[in-house]
């Protein structure tokens, strides 16, 4: 009798111990993501420009009674790529503000036929090419965290590029009539999404629009232009970019605990 009671107690204790052994350990707390810190990264994408040009006077200063219409043209989209550097600060739980410098290298090119009757009478199939070279921006941005890892943002600031234009004729053989270049300053606005997929690492996609206004560019006569004259072109330029990239954030501050 006593032996049976002892055996029952032993079996009950063993069963309880077995139940305790199979219980899962407590789950680790989810990682806390902080967007506060500085970062570096790289990007690739495409760029498009729109150029609208007229010639109001020649290089000697003679004003044309009616400006020459040098036409407008759109580039078909060209590859650009570069790098970015910046710093962000997360505040009020879900908000992020920052500043960024971005440098993208590459050319965007367009070609347009000149249809002004004065030009078609003087030249055979005249056309104009426009090239914008490289794009530099310095912007501020503000974003909202839809989740601890997903940031939606808008940005805006200054933009810089270089424009080169050249006018050609195709007879008796193709030759350069005149050309000119100038550095351009404008503004840019844009927006995108950035996803932090691991502590410190994020990927982003964004669209940007840049407007460089209208600027007079002094052309230089080409080597086969017998008259030696050239024009002052008033060039209106805008650009668009679509970029994808990756950032690595460093110098983290203390983790930000946010409630979602």
Protein backbone atom coordinates (compact mmCIF):
# COMPACT_ATOMS: atom_id res chain seq x y z
CA UNK A 1 0.00 0.00 0.00
CA UNK A 2 2.67 2.45 1.01
CA UNK A 3 4.73 1.37 -1.96
CA UNK A 4 1.84 2.18 -4.34
CA UNK A 5 1.41 5.65 -2.88
CA UNK A 6 5.12 6.39 -3.27
CA UNK A 7 5.09 5.13 -6.87
CA UNK A 8 2.10 7.31 -7.71
CA UNK A 9 3.82 10.36 -6.28
CA UNK A 10 7.00 9.65 -8.27
CA UNK A 11 5.07 9.23 -11.52
CA UNK A 12 3.11 12.44 -10.93
CA UNK A 13 6.31 14.40 -10.26
CA UNK A 14 7.96 12.98 -13.41
CA UNK A 15 4.95 13.94 -15.53
CA UNK A 16 5.05 17.51 -14.21
CA UNK A 17 8.78 17.70 -14.89
CA UNK A 18 8.21 16.47 -18.46
CA UNK A 19 5.54 19.13 -19.00
CA UNK A 20 7.93 21.79 -17.79
CA UNK A 21 10.72 20.53 -20.06
CA UNK A 22 8.73 20.96 -23.27
CA UNK A 23 7.57 24.49 -22.56
CA UNK A 24 9.09 26.94 -25.10
CA UNK A 25 11.44 29.63 -23.79
CA UNK A 26 10.09 33.20 -23.78
CA UNK A 27 10.25 34.97 -27.18
CA UNK A 28 12.95 37.58 -27.70
CA UNK A 29 11.65 41.16 -28.01
CA UNK A 30 11.38 42.46 -31.60
CA UNK A 31 14.32 44.59 -32.81
CA UNK A 32 14.02 48.35 -32.37
CA UNK A 33 15.01 50.38 -35.46
CA UNK A 34 16.45 53.87 -35.16
CA UNK A 35 16.69 56.24 -38.12
CA UNK A 36 18.90 58.71 -36.25
CA UNK A 37 22.43 58.81 -37.65
CA UNK A 38 24.52 59.64 -40.70
CA UNK A 39 24.85 57.47 -43.79
CA UNK A 40 26.62 56.90 -47.08
CA UNK A 41 25.38 54.99 -50.10
CA UNK A 42 25.17 54.56 -53.85
CA UNK A 43 22.45 54.82 -56.48
CA UNK A 44 21.67 54.08 -60.13
CA UNK A 45 18.79 55.07 -62.37
CA UNK A 46 17.64 57.02 -65.38
CA UNK A 47 17.52 60.72 -66.28
CA UNK A 48 15.50 62.71 -68.81
CA UNK A 49 15.73 66.36 -69.84
CA UNK A 50 13.62 68.83 -71.79
CA UNK A 51 15.35 71.72 -73.58
CA UNK A 52 13.59 74.68 -75.20
CA UNK A 53 15.86 77.13 -77.05
CA UNK A 54 15.73 80.41 -78.97
CA UNK A 55 18.40 82.77 -80.34
CA UNK A 56 17.70 86.44 -79.66
CA UNK A 57 20.89 88.08 -80.98
CA UNK A 58 24.26 87.27 -82.50
CA UNK A 59 27.56 87.21 -80.71
CA UNK A 60 28.27 90.82 -81.75
CA UNK A 61 25.15 91.99 -79.98
CA UNK A 62 22.88 92.58 -82.99
CA UNK A 63 19.31 91.88 -81.84
CA UNK A 64 17.17 89.78 -84.18
CA UNK A 65 13.84 91.46 -84.95
CA UNK A 66 12.22 88.06 -84.42
CA UNK A 67 14.19 85.56 -82.32
CA UNK A 68 15.30 82.41 -84.11
CA UNK A 69 13.30 79.38 -83.04
CA UNK A 70 15.84 76.67 -82.20
CA UNK A 71 13.10 74.25 -81.20
CA UNK A 72 12.65 71.96 -78.22
CA UNK A 73 13.66 68.38 -77.62
CA UNK A 74 13.32 65.62 -75.04
CA UNK A 75 16.01 63.09 -74.23
CA UNK A 76 14.96 59.44 -74.44
CA UNK A 77 16.34 58.56 -71.02
CA UNK A 78 19.95 57.85 -70.16
CA UNK A 79 21.71 55.91 -67.42
CA UNK A 80 23.13 57.82 -64.46
CA UNK A 81 24.69 56.68 -61.22
CA UNK A 82 26.49 58.06 -58.23
CA UNK A 83 26.56 58.38 -54.48
CA UNK A 84 24.84 60.14 -51.60
CA UNK A 85 25.76 61.18 -48.09
CA UNK A 86 23.52 62.59 -45.38
CA UNK A 87 22.26 62.61 -41.81
CA UNK A 88 18.81 61.91 -40.34
CA UNK A 89 17.14 62.56 -37.00
CA UNK A 90 14.07 60.67 -35.76
CA UNK A 91 11.71 62.58 -33.48
CA UNK A 92 8.20 62.35 -32.06
CA UNK A 93 8.19 58.62 -32.66
CA UNK A 94 7.32 58.44 -36.35
CA UNK A 95 8.92 61.52 -37.94
CA UNK A 96 12.36 61.80 -39.57
CA UNK A 97 14.13 64.94 -40.82
CA UNK A 98 17.50 65.12 -42.56
CA UNK A 99 19.88 66.72 -45.03
CA UNK A 100 21.49 65.02 -48.03
CA UNK A 101 24.07 65.64 -50.73
CA UNK A 102 23.72 63.55 -53.91
CA UNK A 103 26.11 63.31 -56.86
CA UNK A 104 25.07 61.54 -60.07
CA UNK A 105 27.35 61.18 -63.06
CA UNK A 106 26.29 60.62 -66.67
CA UNK A 107 25.06 62.44 -69.76
CA UNK A 108 21.51 62.95 -71.00
CA UNK A 109 21.30 63.75 -74.71
CA UNK A 110 18.65 65.03 -77.11
CA UNK A 111 18.53 66.02 -80.79
CA UNK A 112 16.00 68.24 -82.54
CA UNK A 113 15.56 69.47 -86.11
CA UNK A 114 15.57 73.24 -86.69
CA UNK A 115 12.50 74.35 -88.63
CA UNK A 116 12.90 78.15 -88.59
CA UNK A 117 12.66 79.22 -92.28
CA UNK A 118 15.69 81.52 -91.98
CA UNK A 119 17.82 78.62 -90.82
CA UNK A 120 16.57 76.07 -93.35
CA UNK A 121 17.23 78.61 -96.12
CA UNK A 122 20.83 79.12 -95.02
CA UNK A 123 21.72 75.55 -94.00
CA UNK A 124 20.94 72.04 -95.21
CA UNK A 125 18.93 70.03 -92.68
CA UNK A 126 20.12 71.97 -89.65
CA UNK A 127 19.72 70.32 -86.25
CA UNK A 128 20.66 70.99 -82.66
CA UNK A 129 21.99 68.63 -80.00
CA UNK A 130 21.81 69.25 -76.26
CA UNK A 131 23.74 67.40 -73.57
CA UNK A 132 23.36 67.79 -69.81
CA UNK A 133 26.34 66.44 -67.94
CA UNK A 134 26.18 65.22 -64.33
CA UNK A 135 23.73 66.33 -61.64
CA UNK A 136 24.52 67.56 -58.14
CA UNK A 137 21.91 68.26 -55.47
CA UNK A 138 21.82 69.37 -51.83
CA UNK A 139 18.41 68.82 -50.26
CA UNK A 140 16.55 68.69 -47.00
CA UNK A 141 13.95 66.00 -46.48
CA UNK A 142 11.17 65.13 -44.07
CA UNK A 143 9.56 61.72 -43.77
CA UNK A 144 6.95 59.70 -41.91
CA UNK A 145 7.40 56.12 -40.69
CA UNK A 146 4.47 53.99 -41.87
CA UNK A 147 6.11 51.11 -39.97
CA UNK A 148 9.32 51.09 -37.91
CA UNK A 149 11.16 50.02 -41.07
CA UNK A 150 9.32 51.88 -43.88
CA UNK A 151 9.88 55.61 -44.41
CA UNK A 152 7.96 57.75 -46.88
CA UNK A 153 9.57 61.14 -47.56
CA UNK A 154 9.63 64.31 -49.62
CA UNK A 155 12.73 66.38 -50.36
CA UNK A 156 13.74 69.69 -51.91
CA UNK A 157 16.71 71.99 -52.38
CA UNK A 158 19.34 73.19 -54.85
CA UNK A 159 20.54 71.52 -58.07
CA UNK A 160 23.51 72.05 -60.41
CA UNK A 161 24.42 70.70 -63.87
CA UNK A 162 26.22 71.64 -67.09
CA UNK A 163 24.61 72.17 -70.50
CA UNK A 164 26.35 71.82 -73.88
CA UNK A 165 24.53 72.68 -77.13
CA UNK A 166 25.74 72.33 -80.72
CA UNK A 167 24.14 73.30 -84.05
CA UNK A 168 25.03 71.24 -87.14
CA UNK A 169 24.38 71.30 -90.88
CA UNK A 170 24.58 68.25 -93.13
CA UNK A 171 25.97 69.73 -96.39
CA UNK A 172 28.27 69.66 -98.20
CA UNK A 173 29.24 67.25 -95.39
CA UNK A 174 28.10 67.18 -91.81
CA UNK A 175 29.82 69.98 -89.91
CA UNK A 176 29.56 71.90 -86.67
CA UNK A 177 28.14 75.40 -87.15
CA UNK A 178 28.37 76.68 -83.57
CA UNK A 179 28.35 75.43 -80.01
CA UNK A 180 28.29 76.64 -76.42
CA UNK A 181 28.23 75.40 -72.83
CA UNK A 182 27.34 76.78 -69.42
CA UNK A 183 27.01 75.68 -65.82
CA UNK A 184 23.42 75.77 -64.57
CA UNK A 185 21.89 76.35 -61.14
CA UNK A 186 18.30 75.51 -60.24
CA UNK A 187 16.05 73.80 -57.74
CA UNK A 188 14.84 70.25 -57.25
CA UNK A 189 11.87 68.58 -55.52
CA UNK A 190 11.07 64.90 -55.16
CA UNK A 191 9.94 62.05 -52.97
CA UNK A 192 10.28 58.34 -52.36
CA UNK A 193 10.21 55.33 -50.05
CA UNK A 194 13.07 53.89 -47.98
CA UNK A 195 13.02 50.48 -46.30
CA UNK A 196 15.42 49.49 -43.50
CA UNK A 197 15.85 45.75 -44.02
CA UNK A 198 18.54 45.28 -41.36
CA UNK A 199 20.07 47.40 -38.63
CA UNK A 200 21.87 50.18 -40.44
CA UNK A 201 21.03 48.99 -43.98
CA UNK A 202 18.26 50.37 -46.18
CA UNK A 203 17.15 50.47 -49.80
CA UNK A 204 15.21 53.30 -51.46
CA UNK A 205 13.47 54.35 -54.64
CA UNK A 206 12.69 57.96 -55.50
CA UNK A 207 11.60 60.40 -58.24
CA UNK A 208 13.03 63.91 -58.62
CA UNK A 209 12.24 66.95 -60.77
CA UNK A 210 14.80 69.72 -61.36
CA UNK A 211 14.19 73.12 -62.99
CA UNK A 212 17.14 75.21 -64.19
CA UNK A 213 15.15 78.10 -65.63
CA UNK A 214 16.25 79.98 -68.75
CA UNK A 215 19.83 81.10 -69.28
CA UNK A 216 21.70 82.86 -72.12
CA UNK A 217 24.56 80.77 -73.52
CA UNK A 218 27.16 82.38 -75.82
CA UNK A 219 27.93 80.11 -78.77
CA UNK A 220 31.30 79.87 -80.51
CA UNK A 221 31.40 79.58 -84.31
CA UNK A 222 32.47 76.19 -85.66
CA UNK A 223 35.73 75.74 -87.61
CA UNK A 224 33.94 75.50 -90.99
CA UNK A 225 31.61 78.46 -90.44
CA UNK A 226 32.91 81.06 -92.94
CA UNK A 227 30.91 84.00 -91.56
CA UNK A 228 32.45 83.66 -88.13
CA UNK A 229 29.17 84.65 -86.49
CA UNK A 230 27.46 82.92 -83.63
CA UNK A 231 24.39 83.48 -81.51
CA UNK A 232 23.31 83.92 -77.93
CA UNK A 233 20.95 81.08 -77.09
CA UNK A 234 18.32 81.39 -74.39
CA UNK A 235 18.00 77.81 -73.12
CA UNK A 236 15.18 76.61 -70.87
CA UNK A 237 16.07 73.33 -69.16
CA UNK A 238 14.26 70.87 -66.90
CA UNK A 239 15.28 67.37 -65.78
CA UNK A 240 13.66 64.32 -64.21
CA UNK A 241 15.34 61.36 -62.52
CA UNK A 242 14.20 57.97 -61.21
CA UNK A 243 16.74 56.47 -58.81
CA UNK A 244 17.20 53.29 -56.79
CA UNK A 245 19.89 52.87 -54.17
CA UNK A 246 21.21 51.51 -50.90
CA UNK A 247 22.38 53.30 -47.74
CA UNK A 248 24.49 52.28 -44.78
CA UNK A 249 23.79 54.28 -41.61
CA UNK A 250 26.41 54.66 -38.90
CA UNK A 251 27.02 56.53 -35.62
CA UNK A 252 23.69 55.43 -34.17
CA UNK A 253 22.26 57.35 -31.27
CA UNK A 254 20.40 55.62 -28.43
CA UNK A 255 17.54 53.48 -29.76
CA UNK A 256 14.26 55.27 -30.26
CA UNK A 257 11.35 53.38 -28.71
CA UNK A 258 8.26 54.08 -30.78
CA UNK A 259 4.70 52.82 -30.33
CA UNK A 260 2.98 51.64 -33.49
